[in-house]
Amino acid sequence: MGWIITLFILVVGLSIGSFLNVITFRLGKKGGIFWGRSECPHCGHVLKWRDLIPVLSFLTLKGKCRHCRQKISLIYPAVEILTAVAFLAYIYFRNTYALEVLYGLALISGLMVIVFSDLLELIIPDKIVFPLIILAFTFNLSVADISARLITALILSAIFAIMYLGSRGRWLGLGDAKLVFLIGLALGYPLGVLAVLFSVWTAALVGIALVMAGKATLKTALPLGTFLAINSIIFLIFQNELQKVTQTIF
């Protein structure tokens, strides 16, 4: 992959990441995604184009609003940079045909919104999950054994739904059950199952570490959707390598 193509992918990734910020912070809010202008969350001043250049604006403004000088959340450049890196890694490691690349990048984009939406507000938005489920189902109709993927998705979501009902929402949310359905449909067996298991283990370890550090209690809610989405992105990127490993095990 030449440096010009690499630079192009990074620029596209940063730009898409900037739009994902808009979705993350405006979804479900008054005005929605496509209406209204970007504004400072502190002073409400409408931002101009020079304040909206991915990463570069954050750096030139030294992480502060041009007008009120309040700090700009690190979430904004984080989403942009992580999206660009994920795009580049997916294209590099997957090395597949154009349609699957677009499909994978769309999945990664939606999952990136879920990562930060659940992290910030403990919400896994249906407006993101359901379109991704439709996308995954439609794409895999022609390239995979859709019945096997549906079975994987249904089993995973059924387990999470039972846990949700049994705990009356104390252990996890119904959005997690919808998200694991998507993961099962997108990754199939065994990668979908492994992605979910790794997410649960990672969340448990982080939770234990936070409790031991005095930063949380046993009743503190953890954004499981964030862990599920992050691991799903990683599994999507390294799908080829992971499939080779699992073929020798399963």
C-alpha atoms as a PDB file:
ATOM      1  CA  MET A   1       0.000   0.000   0.000  1.00  0.00           C
ATOM      2  CA  GLY A   2       1.624   3.256  -1.159  1.00  0.00           C
ATOM      3  CA  TRP A   3       1.873   6.330   1.012  1.00  0.00           C
ATOM      4  CA  ILE A   4      -0.553   8.287  -1.183  1.00  0.00           C
ATOM      5  CA  ILE A   5      -3.260   5.641  -0.761  1.00  0.00           C
ATOM      6  CA  THR A   6      -2.477   5.389   2.949  1.00  0.00           C
ATOM      7  CA  LEU A   7      -2.785   9.163   3.332  1.00  0.00           C
ATOM      8  CA  PHE A   8      -6.044   9.169   1.364  1.00  0.00           C
ATOM      9  CA  ILE A   9      -7.549   6.450   3.603  1.00  0.00           C
ATOM     10  CA  LEU A  10      -6.488   8.323   6.739  1.00  0.00           C
ATOM     11  CA  VAL A  11      -8.022  11.582   5.491  1.00  0.00           C
ATOM     12  CA  VAL A  12     -11.263   9.799   4.598  1.00  0.00           C
ATOM     13  CA  GLY A  13     -11.228   8.046   7.980  1.00  0.00           C
ATOM     14  CA  LEU A  14     -10.721  11.324   9.841  1.00  0.00           C
ATOM     15  CA  SER A  15     -13.551  12.934   7.863  1.00  0.00           C
ATOM     16  CA  ILE A  16     -15.914  10.031   8.532  1.00  0.00           C
ATOM     17  CA  GLY A  17     -14.856  10.123  12.186  1.00  0.00           C
ATOM     18  CA  SER A  18     -15.830  13.792  12.313  1.00  0.00           C
ATOM     19  CA  PHE A  19     -19.284  12.892  10.989  1.00  0.00           C
ATOM     20  CA  LEU A  20     -19.538  10.054  13.529  1.00  0.00           C
ATOM     21  CA  ASN A  21     -19.002  12.677  16.230  1.00  0.00           C
ATOM     22  CA  VAL A  22     -22.040  14.503  14.891  1.00  0.00           C
ATOM     23  CA  ILE A  23     -24.084  11.298  15.040  1.00  0.00           C
ATOM     24  CA  THR A  24     -22.848  10.390  18.527  1.00  0.00           C
ATOM     25  CA  PHE A  25     -23.618  13.759  20.072  1.00  0.00           C
ATOM     26  CA  ARG A  26     -26.747  14.705  18.097  1.00  0.00           C
ATOM     27  CA  LEU A  27     -28.585  11.396  17.739  1.00  0.00           C
ATOM     28  CA  GLY A  28     -31.873  11.630  19.590  1.00  0.00           C
ATOM     29  CA  LYS A  29     -31.343  15.330  20.288  1.00  0.00           C
ATOM     30  CA  LYS A  30     -33.514  18.209  19.092  1.00  0.00           C
ATOM     31  CA  GLY A  31     -32.705  19.053  15.484  1.00  0.00           C
ATOM     32  CA  GLY A  32     -31.262  15.611  14.770  1.00  0.00           C
ATOM     33  CA  ILE A  33     -28.176  14.842  12.698  1.00  0.00           C
ATOM     34  CA  PHE A  34     -28.784  16.761   9.484  1.00  0.00           C
ATOM     35  CA  TRP A  35     -30.355  19.954  10.807  1.00  0.00           C
ATOM     36  CA  GLY A  36     -28.710  22.815  12.587  1.00  0.00           C
ATOM     37  CA  ARG A  37     -25.107  23.955  12.801  1.00  0.00           C
ATOM     38  CA  SER A  38     -22.283  22.630  14.935  1.00  0.00           C
ATOM     39  CA  GLU A  39     -21.906  24.720  18.060  1.00  0.00           C
ATOM     40  CA  CYS A  40     -19.861  24.847  21.238  1.00  0.00           C
ATOM     41  CA  PRO A  41     -21.600  22.791  23.951  1.00  0.00           C
ATOM     42  CA  HIS A  42     -20.503  25.365  26.552  1.00  0.00           C
ATOM     43  CA  CYS A  43     -21.261  28.802  25.060  1.00  0.00           C
ATOM     44  CA  GLY A  44     -23.516  27.754  22.176  1.00  0.00           C
ATOM     45  CA  HIS A  45     -21.500  29.733  19.634  1.00  0.00           C
ATOM     46  CA  VAL A  46     -21.946  28.424  16.077  1.00  0.00           C
ATOM     47  CA  LEU A  47     -18.650  26.989  14.850  1.00  0.00           C
ATOM     48  CA  LYS A  48     -17.144  27.949  11.518  1.00  0.00           C
ATOM     49  CA  TRP A  49     -15.501  25.576   9.047  1.00  0.00           C
ATOM     50  CA  ARG A  50     -12.012  26.323  10.339  1.00  0.00           C
ATOM     51  CA  ASP A  51     -13.064  25.050  13.775  1.00  0.00           C
ATOM     52  CA  LEU A  52     -14.306  21.743  12.354  1.00  0.00           C
ATOM     53  CA  ILE A  53     -11.247  20.376  10.559  1.00  0.00           C
ATOM     54  CA  PRO A  54     -10.678  16.871  11.999  1.00  0.00           C
ATOM     55  CA  VAL A  55      -7.895  16.771  14.624  1.00  0.00           C
ATOM     56  CA  LEU A  56      -6.137  19.811  13.112  1.00  0.00           C
ATOM     57  CA  SER A  57      -8.676  22.277  14.545  1.00  0.00           C
ATOM     58  CA  PHE A  58      -8.352  20.662  17.981  1.00  0.00           C
ATOM     59  CA  LEU A  59      -4.574  21.039  17.847  1.00  0.00           C
ATOM     60  CA  THR A  60      -4.526  24.626  16.544  1.00  0.00           C
ATOM     61  CA  LEU A  61      -7.094  25.673  19.165  1.00  0.00           C
ATOM     62  CA  LYS A  62      -5.066  23.855  21.842  1.00  0.00           C
ATOM     63  CA  GLY A  63      -8.131  21.892  22.846  1.00  0.00           C
ATOM     64  CA  LYS A  64     -10.217  24.954  23.741  1.00  0.00           C
ATOM     65  CA  CYS A  65     -13.197  26.753  22.202  1.00  0.00           C
ATOM     66  CA  ARG A  66     -12.135  29.771  20.169  1.00  0.00           C
ATOM     67  CA  HIS A  67     -14.835  31.917  21.820  1.00  0.00           C
ATOM     68  CA  CYS A  68     -15.328  30.884  25.461  1.00  0.00           C
ATOM     69  CA  ARG A  69     -11.965  29.107  25.936  1.00  0.00           C
ATOM     70  CA  GLN A  70     -13.634  26.149  27.625  1.00  0.00           C
ATOM     71  CA  LYS A  71     -11.959  22.784  27.048  1.00  0.00           C
ATOM     72  CA  ILE A  72     -13.050  20.724  24.061  1.00  0.00           C
ATOM     73  CA  SER A  73     -13.723  17.101  24.954  1.00  0.00           C
ATOM     74  CA  LEU A  74     -10.973  14.676  23.966  1.00  0.00           C
ATOM     75  CA  ILE A  75     -13.755  12.436  22.663  1.00  0.00           C
ATOM     76  CA  TYR A  76     -13.873  14.448  19.423  1.00  0.00           C
ATOM     77  CA  PRO A  77     -10.291  13.854  18.235  1.00  0.00           C
ATOM     78  CA  ALA A  78     -10.360  10.343  19.726  1.00  0.00           C
ATOM     79  CA  VAL A  79     -13.300   9.311  17.517  1.00  0.00           C
ATOM     80  CA  GLU A  80     -11.648  10.825  14.445  1.00  0.00           C
ATOM     81  CA  ILE A  81      -8.252   9.210  15.029  1.00  0.00           C
ATOM     82  CA  LEU A  82      -9.633   5.798  16.015  1.00  0.00           C
ATOM     83  CA  THR A  83     -11.917   5.739  12.974  1.00  0.00           C
ATOM     84  CA  ALA A  84      -9.039   6.597  10.634  1.00  0.00           C
ATOM     85  CA  VAL A  85      -6.778   3.940  12.186  1.00  0.00           C
ATOM     86  CA  ALA A  86      -9.546   1.322  12.102  1.00  0.00           C
ATOM     87  CA  PHE A  87     -10.279   2.086   8.431  1.00  0.00           C
ATOM     88  CA  LEU A  88      -6.616   1.785   7.483  1.00  0.00           C
ATOM     89  CA  ALA A  89      -6.147  -1.429   9.474  1.00  0.00           C
ATOM     90  CA  TYR A  90      -9.281  -3.012   8.017  1.00  0.00           C
ATOM     91  CA  ILE A  91      -8.279  -2.295   4.424  1.00  0.00           C
ATOM     92  CA  TYR A  92      -4.697  -3.429   5.062  1.00  0.00           C
ATOM     93  CA  PHE A  93      -5.445  -6.685   6.885  1.00  0.00           C
ATOM     94  CA  ARG A  94      -8.641  -7.722   5.114  1.00  0.00           C
ATOM     95  CA  ASN A  95      -7.263  -7.196   1.582  1.00  0.00           C
ATOM     96  CA  THR A  96     -10.626  -8.024   0.028  1.00  0.00           C
ATOM     97  CA  TYR A  97     -12.858  -6.807  -2.810  1.00  0.00           C
ATOM     98  CA  ALA A  98     -14.448  -3.351  -2.959  1.00  0.00           C
ATOM     99  CA  LEU A  99     -18.004  -4.261  -1.912  1.00  0.00           C
ATOM    100  CA  GLU A 100     -16.833  -6.095   1.209  1.00  0.00           C
ATOM    101  CA  VAL A 101     -14.525  -3.186   2.060  1.00  0.00           C
ATOM    102  CA  LEU A 102     -17.466  -0.768   1.961  1.00  0.00           C
ATOM    103  CA  TYR A 103     -19.548  -3.191   4.015  1.00  0.00           C
ATOM    104  CA  GLY A 104     -16.805  -3.582   6.618  1.00  0.00           C
ATOM    105  CA  LEU A 105     -16.179   0.155   6.873  1.00  0.00           C
ATOM    106  CA  ALA A 106     -19.913   0.768   7.329  1.00  0.00           C
ATOM    107  CA  LEU A 107     -19.999  -1.772  10.164  1.00  0.00           C
ATOM    108  CA  ILE A 108     -16.944  -0.230  11.793  1.00  0.00           C
ATOM    109  CA  SER A 109     -18.486   3.245  11.541  1.00  0.00           C
ATOM    110  CA  GLY A 110     -21.708   2.147  13.226  1.00  0.00           C
ATOM    111  CA  LEU A 111     -19.853   0.224  15.912  1.00  0.00           C
ATOM    112  CA  MET A 112     -17.661   3.271  16.587  1.00  0.00           C
ATOM    113  CA  VAL A 113     -20.790   5.316  17.327  1.00  0.00           C
ATOM    114  CA  ILE A 114     -21.951   2.579  19.719  1.00  0.00           C
ATOM    115  CA  VAL A 115     -18.553   2.540  21.464  1.00  0.00           C
ATOM    116  CA  PHE A 116     -18.849   6.177  22.502  1.00  0.00           C
ATOM    117  CA  SER A 117     -22.630   6.397  22.803  1.00  0.00           C
ATOM    118  CA  ASP A 118     -22.638   3.633  25.406  1.00  0.00           C
ATOM    119  CA  LEU A 119     -19.484   4.969  27.055  1.00  0.00           C
ATOM    120  CA  LEU A 120     -20.908   8.470  27.473  1.00  0.00           C
ATOM    121  CA  GLU A 121     -24.622   7.840  28.003  1.00  0.00           C
ATOM    122  CA  LEU A 122     -25.014   4.068  28.570  1.00  0.00           C
ATOM    123  CA  ILE A 123     -27.199   3.943  25.463  1.00  0.00           C
ATOM    124  CA  ILE A 124     -26.964   1.602  22.475  1.00  0.00           C
ATOM    125  CA  PRO A 125     -29.132   3.453  19.939  1.00  0.00           C
ATOM    126  CA  ASP A 126     -31.645   1.399  17.965  1.00  0.00           C
ATOM    127  CA  LYS A 127     -31.216   3.874  15.094  1.00  0.00           C
ATOM    128  CA  ILE A 128     -27.689   2.511  14.680  1.00  0.00           C
ATOM    129  CA  VAL A 129     -28.116  -1.169  15.611  1.00  0.00           C
ATOM    130  CA  PHE A 130     -31.154  -1.968  13.456  1.00  0.00           C
ATOM    131  CA  PRO A 131     -29.742  -0.553  10.184  1.00  0.00           C
ATOM    132  CA  LEU A 132     -26.503  -2.469  10.852  1.00  0.00           C
ATOM    133  CA  ILE A 133     -28.483  -5.682  11.392  1.00  0.00           C
ATOM    134  CA  ILE A 134     -30.291  -5.156   8.072  1.00  0.00           C
ATOM    135  CA  LEU A 135     -26.966  -4.410   6.375  1.00  0.00           C
ATOM    136  CA  ALA A 136     -25.271  -7.511   7.809  1.00  0.00           C
ATOM    137  CA  PHE A 137     -28.204  -9.754   6.900  1.00  0.00           C
ATOM    138  CA  THR A 138     -28.439  -8.398   3.346  1.00  0.00           C
ATOM    139  CA  PHE A 139     -24.699  -8.614   2.680  1.00  0.00           C
ATOM    140  CA  ASN A 140     -24.292 -12.122   4.086  1.00  0.00           C
ATOM    141  CA  LEU A 141     -27.207 -13.496   2.063  1.00  0.00           C
ATOM    142  CA  SER A 142     -24.882 -13.806  -0.913  1.00  0.00           C
ATOM    143  CA  VAL A 143     -21.477 -14.454   0.661  1.00  0.00           C
ATOM    144  CA  ALA A 144     -22.068 -16.711   3.666  1.00  0.00           C
ATOM    145  CA  ASP A 145     -24.269 -19.407   5.181  1.00  0.00           C
ATOM    146  CA  ILE A 146     -26.930 -17.029   6.455  1.00  0.00           C
ATOM    147  CA  SER A 147     -28.832 -19.762   8.326  1.00  0.00           C
ATOM    148  CA  ALA A 148     -25.769 -20.588  10.453  1.00  0.00           C
ATOM    149  CA  ARG A 149     -25.198 -16.913  11.190  1.00  0.00           C
ATOM    150  CA  LEU A 150     -28.851 -16.423  12.118  1.00  0.00           C
ATOM    151  CA  ILE A 151     -28.683 -19.349  14.533  1.00  0.00           C
ATOM    152  CA  THR A 152     -25.534 -17.904  16.135  1.00  0.00           C
ATOM    153  CA  ALA A 153     -27.153 -14.473  16.391  1.00  0.00           C
ATOM    154  CA  LEU A 154     -30.386 -15.853  17.871  1.00  0.00           C
ATOM    155  CA  ILE A 155     -28.610 -17.980  20.483  1.00  0.00           C
ATOM    156  CA  LEU A 156     -26.378 -15.111  21.601  1.00  0.00           C
ATOM    157  CA  SER A 157     -29.232 -12.626  21.799  1.00  0.00           C
ATOM    158  CA  ALA A 158     -31.484 -15.153  23.570  1.00  0.00           C
ATOM    159  CA  ILE A 159     -28.849 -15.701  26.284  1.00  0.00           C
ATOM    160  CA  PHE A 160     -28.485 -11.943  26.807  1.00  0.00           C
ATOM    161  CA  ALA A 161     -32.255 -11.413  26.740  1.00  0.00           C
ATOM    162  CA  ILE A 162     -32.722 -14.078  29.435  1.00  0.00           C
ATOM    163  CA  MET A 163     -30.024 -12.414  31.550  1.00  0.00           C
ATOM    164  CA  TYR A 164     -31.729  -9.068  31.042  1.00  0.00           C
ATOM    165  CA  LEU A 165     -35.118 -10.407  32.104  1.00  0.00           C
ATOM    166  CA  GLY A 166     -33.696 -12.471  34.975  1.00  0.00           C
ATOM    167  CA  SER A 167     -31.815  -9.511  36.423  1.00  0.00           C
ATOM    168  CA  ARG A 168     -34.589  -7.012  35.570  1.00  0.00           C
ATOM    169  CA  GLY A 169     -32.027  -4.934  33.730  1.00  0.00           C
ATOM    170  CA  ARG A 170     -29.523  -4.782  36.595  1.00  0.00           C
ATOM    171  CA  TRP A 171     -26.796  -6.849  34.865  1.00  0.00           C
ATOM    172  CA  LEU A 172     -27.163  -5.548  31.333  1.00  0.00           C
ATOM    173  CA  GLY A 173     -29.543  -3.703  29.068  1.00  0.00           C
ATOM    174  CA  LEU A 174     -31.829  -4.893  26.298  1.00  0.00           C
ATOM    175  CA  GLY A 175     -29.623  -2.963  23.874  1.00  0.00           C
ATOM    176  CA  ASP A 176     -26.820  -5.422  24.631  1.00  0.00           C
ATOM    177  CA  ALA A 177     -29.035  -8.300  23.446  1.00  0.00           C
ATOM    178  CA  LYS A 178     -29.698  -6.457  20.179  1.00  0.00           C
ATOM    179  CA  LEU A 179     -26.002  -5.712  19.750  1.00  0.00           C
ATOM    180  CA  VAL A 180     -24.903  -9.340  20.219  1.00  0.00           C
ATOM    181  CA  PHE A 181     -27.499 -10.335  17.615  1.00  0.00           C
ATOM    182  CA  LEU A 182     -25.695  -8.018  15.210  1.00  0.00           C
ATOM    183  CA  ILE A 183     -22.309  -9.457  16.219  1.00  0.00           C
ATOM    184  CA  GLY A 184     -23.486 -13.031  15.664  1.00  0.00           C
ATOM    185  CA  LEU A 185     -24.901 -12.089  12.276  1.00  0.00           C
ATOM    186  CA  ALA A 186     -21.814 -10.169  11.174  1.00  0.00           C
ATOM    187  CA  LEU A 187     -19.119 -12.547  12.427  1.00  0.00           C
ATOM    188  CA  GLY A 188     -20.909 -15.900  12.616  1.00  0.00           C
ATOM    189  CA  TYR A 189     -19.547 -18.890  14.507  1.00  0.00           C
ATOM    190  CA  PRO A 190     -17.063 -19.112  16.141  1.00  0.00           C
ATOM    191  CA  LEU A 191     -15.773 -15.532  15.770  1.00  0.00           C
ATOM    192  CA  GLY A 192     -19.033 -13.930  16.899  1.00  0.00           C
ATOM    193  CA  VAL A 193     -19.149 -16.093  20.025  1.00  0.00           C
ATOM    194  CA  LEU A 194     -15.490 -15.399  20.796  1.00  0.00           C
ATOM    195  CA  ALA A 195     -15.963 -11.649  20.316  1.00  0.00           C
ATOM    196  CA  VAL A 196     -18.811 -11.670  22.831  1.00  0.00           C
ATOM    197  CA  LEU A 197     -16.890 -13.825  25.327  1.00  0.00           C
ATOM    198  CA  PHE A 198     -13.785 -11.630  25.119  1.00  0.00           C
ATOM    199  CA  SER A 199     -15.979  -8.568  25.632  1.00  0.00           C
ATOM    200  CA  VAL A 200     -17.588  -9.988  28.771  1.00  0.00           C
ATOM    201  CA  TRP A 201     -14.199 -11.050  30.174  1.00  0.00           C
ATOM    202  CA  THR A 202     -12.659  -7.665  29.385  1.00  0.00           C
ATOM    203  CA  ALA A 203     -15.565  -5.807  30.996  1.00  0.00           C
ATOM    204  CA  ALA A 204     -15.310  -8.025  34.081  1.00  0.00           C
ATOM    205  CA  LEU A 205     -11.560  -7.420  34.427  1.00  0.00           C
ATOM    206  CA  VAL A 206     -11.976  -3.670  34.000  1.00  0.00           C
ATOM    207  CA  GLY A 207     -14.797  -3.682  36.533  1.00  0.00           C
ATOM    208  CA  ILE A 208     -12.698  -5.580  39.079  1.00  0.00           C
ATOM    209  CA  ALA A 209      -9.766  -3.213  38.508  1.00  0.00           C
ATOM    210  CA  LEU A 210     -12.010  -0.159  39.036  1.00  0.00           C
ATOM    211  CA  VAL A 211     -13.453  -1.603  42.261  1.00  0.00           C
ATOM    212  CA  MET A 212      -9.980  -2.439  43.596  1.00  0.00           C
ATOM    213  CA  ALA A 213      -8.818   1.084  42.730  1.00  0.00           C
ATOM    214  CA  GLY A 214     -11.790   2.591  44.537  1.00  0.00           C
ATOM    215  CA  LYS A 215     -13.125   4.156  41.325  1.00  0.00           C
ATOM    216  CA  ALA A 216     -16.319   2.079  41.285  1.00  0.00           C
ATOM    217  CA  THR A 217     -18.523  -0.178  43.387  1.00  0.00           C
ATOM    218  CA  LEU A 218     -20.206  -3.491  42.668  1.00  0.00           C
ATOM    219  CA  LYS A 219     -23.329  -1.526  41.734  1.00  0.00           C
ATOM    220  CA  THR A 220     -21.583   0.764  39.241  1.00  0.00           C
ATOM    221  CA  ALA A 221     -22.926   0.306  35.706  1.00  0.00           C
ATOM    222  CA  LEU A 222     -20.329  -0.604  33.081  1.00  0.00           C
ATOM    223  CA  PRO A 223     -20.871   0.168  29.388  1.00  0.00           C
ATOM    224  CA  LEU A 224     -20.826  -3.447  28.159  1.00  0.00           C
ATOM    225  CA  GLY A 225     -21.857  -2.237  24.708  1.00  0.00           C
ATOM    226  CA  THR A 226     -18.599  -0.308  24.488  1.00  0.00           C
ATOM    227  CA  PHE A 227     -16.578  -3.486  25.095  1.00  0.00           C
ATOM    228  CA  LEU A 228     -18.750  -5.477  22.665  1.00  0.00           C
ATOM    229  CA  ALA A 229     -18.333  -2.855  19.928  1.00  0.00           C
ATOM    230  CA  ILE A 230     -14.563  -2.478  20.439  1.00  0.00           C
ATOM    231  CA  ASN A 231     -13.930  -6.216  20.310  1.00  0.00           C
ATOM    232  CA  SER A 232     -16.200  -6.556  17.273  1.00  0.00           C
ATOM    233  CA  ILE A 233     -14.165  -3.923  15.421  1.00  0.00           C
ATOM    234  CA  ILE A 234     -10.948  -5.772  16.315  1.00  0.00           C
ATOM    235  CA  PHE A 235     -12.419  -9.097  15.171  1.00  0.00           C
ATOM    236  CA  LEU A 236     -13.600  -7.534  11.904  1.00  0.00           C
ATOM    237  CA  ILE A 237     -10.130  -6.135  11.206  1.00  0.00           C
ATOM    238  CA  PHE A 238      -8.284  -9.375  11.987  1.00  0.00           C
ATOM    239  CA  GLN A 239     -10.990 -11.702  10.687  1.00  0.00           C
ATOM    240  CA  ASN A 240      -8.690 -13.478   8.221  1.00  0.00           C
ATOM    241  CA  GLU A 241      -6.015 -14.233  10.826  1.00  0.00           C
ATOM    242  CA  LEU A 242      -8.540 -15.257  13.488  1.00  0.00           C
ATOM    243  CA  GLN A 243     -10.353 -17.589  11.100  1.00  0.00           C
ATOM    244  CA  LYS A 244      -7.084 -19.412  10.409  1.00  0.00           C
ATOM    245  CA  VAL A 245      -6.470 -19.840  14.133  1.00  0.00           C
ATOM    246  CA  THR A 246      -9.998 -21.002  14.915  1.00  0.00           C
ATOM    247  CA  GLN A 247     -10.004 -23.508  12.053  1.00  0.00           C
ATOM    248  CA  THR A 248      -7.262 -25.404  13.839  1.00  0.00           C
ATOM    249  CA  ILE A 249      -9.190 -25.381  17.116  1.00  0.00           C
ATOM    250  CA  PHE A 250     -12.877 -25.784  16.240  1.00  0.00           C
END
